[in-house]
Amino acid sequence: MSGSRKFAWTWAVKPECLEEYVAIHKEPWPEMMAEHSRAGIRNYSIFQNGRQFFYCFECEDVEKAFAVLAESDVCQRWNAITSRMIEGSFDLREAEPIRPLGEIFYLK
């Protein structure tokens, strides 16, 4: 897609939280989905390999998107739940809340 920017990253989920993490993502809150769309995020996918999760989405302005999500009450509630489940933590107010993976191949 012309002008589109893709972002990808990975996190490991704590073993004791794996089942809960998968369950909450299989039925995300509708208001969370709406907030991500409002932030300009689209084509968002999460893939699982054991405890390792791979996330990818497209967004024209990721800094703006993260700013919108960081100010969202819904996202703050969601992140309060899910951030305790991952190894490490994240805060969308940080300069680099997610360490993006570099794209090395793309078939258009």
C-alpha atoms as a PDB file:
ATOM      1  CA  MET A   1       0.000   0.000   0.000  1.00  0.00           C
ATOM      2  CA  SER A   2       1.527   3.276  -1.073  1.00  0.00           C
ATOM      3  CA  GLY A   3       2.547   5.508   1.812  1.00  0.00           C
ATOM      4  CA  SER A   4       1.729   2.870   4.397  1.00  0.00           C
ATOM      5  CA  ARG A   5       4.103   2.158   7.236  1.00  0.00           C
ATOM      6  CA  LYS A   6       4.267  -1.277   8.804  1.00  0.00           C
ATOM      7  CA  PHE A   7       5.408  -1.957  12.368  1.00  0.00           C
ATOM      8  CA  ALA A   8       6.229  -5.255  14.023  1.00  0.00           C
ATOM      9  CA  TRP A   9       7.546  -6.330  17.402  1.00  0.00           C
ATOM     10  CA  THR A  10       7.600  -9.325  19.690  1.00  0.00           C
ATOM     11  CA  TRP A  11       6.971 -10.032  23.364  1.00  0.00           C
ATOM     12  CA  ALA A  12       7.119 -13.137  25.512  1.00  0.00           C
ATOM     13  CA  VAL A  13       4.203 -13.842  27.824  1.00  0.00           C
ATOM     14  CA  LYS A  14       4.815 -15.174  31.330  1.00  0.00           C
ATOM     15  CA  PRO A  15       4.032 -18.908  31.481  1.00  0.00           C
ATOM     16  CA  GLU A  16       1.454 -18.482  34.243  1.00  0.00           C
ATOM     17  CA  CYS A  17      -0.411 -15.834  32.185  1.00  0.00           C
ATOM     18  CA  LEU A  18      -0.395 -17.538  28.791  1.00  0.00           C
ATOM     19  CA  GLU A  19      -3.953 -18.868  28.824  1.00  0.00           C
ATOM     20  CA  GLU A  20      -5.408 -15.569  30.078  1.00  0.00           C
ATOM     21  CA  TYR A  21      -3.397 -13.526  27.561  1.00  0.00           C
ATOM     22  CA  VAL A  22      -4.648 -15.591  24.630  1.00  0.00           C
ATOM     23  CA  ALA A  23      -8.232 -15.499  25.902  1.00  0.00           C
ATOM     24  CA  ILE A  24      -8.355 -11.712  26.287  1.00  0.00           C
ATOM     25  CA  HIS A  25      -6.961 -11.238  22.779  1.00  0.00           C
ATOM     26  CA  LYS A  26      -9.404 -13.682  21.221  1.00  0.00           C
ATOM     27  CA  GLU A  27     -12.266 -11.479  22.441  1.00  0.00           C
ATOM     28  CA  PRO A  28     -10.904  -7.929  22.664  1.00  0.00           C
ATOM     29  CA  TRP A  29     -13.088  -5.182  24.024  1.00  0.00           C
ATOM     30  CA  PRO A  30     -14.984  -3.449  21.205  1.00  0.00           C
ATOM     31  CA  GLU A  31     -13.994  -0.061  22.641  1.00  0.00           C
ATOM     32  CA  MET A  32     -10.310  -1.101  22.434  1.00  0.00           C
ATOM     33  CA  MET A  33     -10.738  -1.936  18.781  1.00  0.00           C
ATOM     34  CA  ALA A  34     -12.428   1.422  18.199  1.00  0.00           C
ATOM     35  CA  GLU A  35      -9.572   3.280  19.920  1.00  0.00           C
ATOM     36  CA  HIS A  36      -6.965   1.595  17.732  1.00  0.00           C
ATOM     37  CA  SER A  37      -8.938   2.528  14.623  1.00  0.00           C
ATOM     38  CA  ARG A  38      -9.321   6.112  15.886  1.00  0.00           C
ATOM     39  CA  ALA A  39      -5.531   6.208  16.381  1.00  0.00           C
ATOM     40  CA  GLY A  40      -5.024   5.273  12.715  1.00  0.00           C
ATOM     41  CA  ILE A  41      -3.911   1.687  13.274  1.00  0.00           C
ATOM     42  CA  ARG A  42      -5.112  -0.880  10.737  1.00  0.00           C
ATOM     43  CA  ASN A  43      -4.340  -4.385   9.521  1.00  0.00           C
ATOM     44  CA  TYR A  44      -3.285  -5.335  13.057  1.00  0.00           C
ATOM     45  CA  SER A  45      -2.410  -8.999  13.602  1.00  0.00           C
ATOM     46  CA  ILE A  46      -0.956 -11.016  16.464  1.00  0.00           C
ATOM     47  CA  PHE A  47       0.656 -14.406  15.922  1.00  0.00           C
ATOM     48  CA  GLN A  48       1.655 -16.912  18.597  1.00  0.00           C
ATOM     49  CA  ASN A  49       4.549 -19.352  18.856  1.00  0.00           C
ATOM     50  CA  GLY A  50       4.394 -20.869  22.320  1.00  0.00           C
ATOM     51  CA  ARG A  51       4.952 -17.997  24.757  1.00  0.00           C
ATOM     52  CA  GLN A  52       6.335 -15.717  22.037  1.00  0.00           C
ATOM     53  CA  PHE A  53       3.899 -13.336  20.350  1.00  0.00           C
ATOM     54  CA  PHE A  54       4.531 -11.435  17.127  1.00  0.00           C
ATOM     55  CA  TYR A  55       2.557  -8.238  16.529  1.00  0.00           C
ATOM     56  CA  CYS A  56       2.264  -6.267  13.315  1.00  0.00           C
ATOM     57  CA  PHE A  57       0.155  -3.375  12.091  1.00  0.00           C
ATOM     58  CA  GLU A  58       0.079  -0.565   9.566  1.00  0.00           C
ATOM     59  CA  CYS A  59      -0.100   3.099  10.493  1.00  0.00           C
ATOM     60  CA  GLU A  60       0.746   6.365   8.759  1.00  0.00           C
ATOM     61  CA  ASP A  61       1.936   8.141  11.930  1.00  0.00           C
ATOM     62  CA  VAL A  62       2.916   5.778  14.745  1.00  0.00           C
ATOM     63  CA  GLU A  63       3.970   8.574  17.099  1.00  0.00           C
ATOM     64  CA  LYS A  64       0.513  10.141  16.807  1.00  0.00           C
ATOM     65  CA  ALA A  65      -1.151   6.732  17.173  1.00  0.00           C
ATOM     66  CA  PHE A  66       0.784   5.948  20.358  1.00  0.00           C
ATOM     67  CA  ALA A  67      -0.054   9.414  21.735  1.00  0.00           C
ATOM     68  CA  VAL A  68      -3.774   8.795  21.125  1.00  0.00           C
ATOM     69  CA  LEU A  69      -3.607   5.375  22.773  1.00  0.00           C
ATOM     70  CA  ALA A  70      -1.541   6.668  25.714  1.00  0.00           C
ATOM     71  CA  GLU A  71      -4.284   9.189  26.530  1.00  0.00           C
ATOM     72  CA  SER A  72      -7.120   6.694  26.136  1.00  0.00           C
ATOM     73  CA  ASP A  73      -8.792   5.552  29.366  1.00  0.00           C
ATOM     74  CA  VAL A  74      -9.816   2.311  27.650  1.00  0.00           C
ATOM     75  CA  CYS A  75      -6.256   1.585  26.547  1.00  0.00           C
ATOM     76  CA  GLN A  76      -4.881   2.401  29.987  1.00  0.00           C
ATOM     77  CA  ARG A  77      -7.296  -0.119  31.536  1.00  0.00           C
ATOM     78  CA  TRP A  78      -6.371  -2.749  28.926  1.00  0.00           C
ATOM     79  CA  ASN A  79      -2.647  -2.125  29.392  1.00  0.00           C
ATOM     80  CA  ALA A  80      -2.979  -2.376  33.176  1.00  0.00           C
ATOM     81  CA  ILE A  81      -4.241  -5.923  32.650  1.00  0.00           C
ATOM     82  CA  THR A  82      -1.983  -7.088  29.809  1.00  0.00           C
ATOM     83  CA  SER A  83       1.293  -5.410  30.799  1.00  0.00           C
ATOM     84  CA  ARG A  84       1.521  -7.575  33.913  1.00  0.00           C
ATOM     85  CA  MET A  85       1.323 -10.657  31.683  1.00  0.00           C
ATOM     86  CA  ILE A  86       4.343  -9.983  29.496  1.00  0.00           C
ATOM     87  CA  GLU A  87       8.021 -10.330  30.290  1.00  0.00           C
ATOM     88  CA  GLY A  88       9.137  -6.765  30.664  1.00  0.00           C
ATOM     89  CA  SER A  89       6.604  -3.982  30.485  1.00  0.00           C
ATOM     90  CA  PHE A  90       5.485  -1.210  28.218  1.00  0.00           C
ATOM     91  CA  ASP A  91       4.307   2.349  28.558  1.00  0.00           C
ATOM     92  CA  LEU A  92       3.076   4.171  25.464  1.00  0.00           C
ATOM     93  CA  ARG A  93       4.314   7.430  26.996  1.00  0.00           C
ATOM     94  CA  GLU A  94       7.929   6.243  26.760  1.00  0.00           C
ATOM     95  CA  ALA A  95      10.069   7.412  23.843  1.00  0.00           C
ATOM     96  CA  GLU A  96      10.222   3.853  22.499  1.00  0.00           C
ATOM     97  CA  PRO A  97       7.447   1.844  24.156  1.00  0.00           C
ATOM     98  CA  ILE A  98       7.804  -0.940  21.630  1.00  0.00           C
ATOM     99  CA  ARG A  99      11.097  -1.924  20.047  1.00  0.00           C
ATOM    100  CA  PRO A 100      10.140  -2.328  16.396  1.00  0.00           C
ATOM    101  CA  LEU A 101      11.592  -5.114  14.312  1.00  0.00           C
ATOM    102  CA  GLY A 102      13.332  -4.188  11.077  1.00  0.00           C
ATOM    103  CA  GLU A 103      11.677  -5.390   7.895  1.00  0.00           C
ATOM    104  CA  ILE A 104      14.075  -7.312   5.673  1.00  0.00           C
ATOM    105  CA  PHE A 105      11.649  -8.687   3.071  1.00  0.00           C
ATOM    106  CA  TYR A 106       8.297  -7.662   1.618  1.00  0.00           C
ATOM    107  CA  LEU A 107       6.461  -9.192  -1.337  1.00  0.00           C
ATOM    108  CA  LYS A 108       4.198  -6.576  -2.873  1.00  0.00           C
END
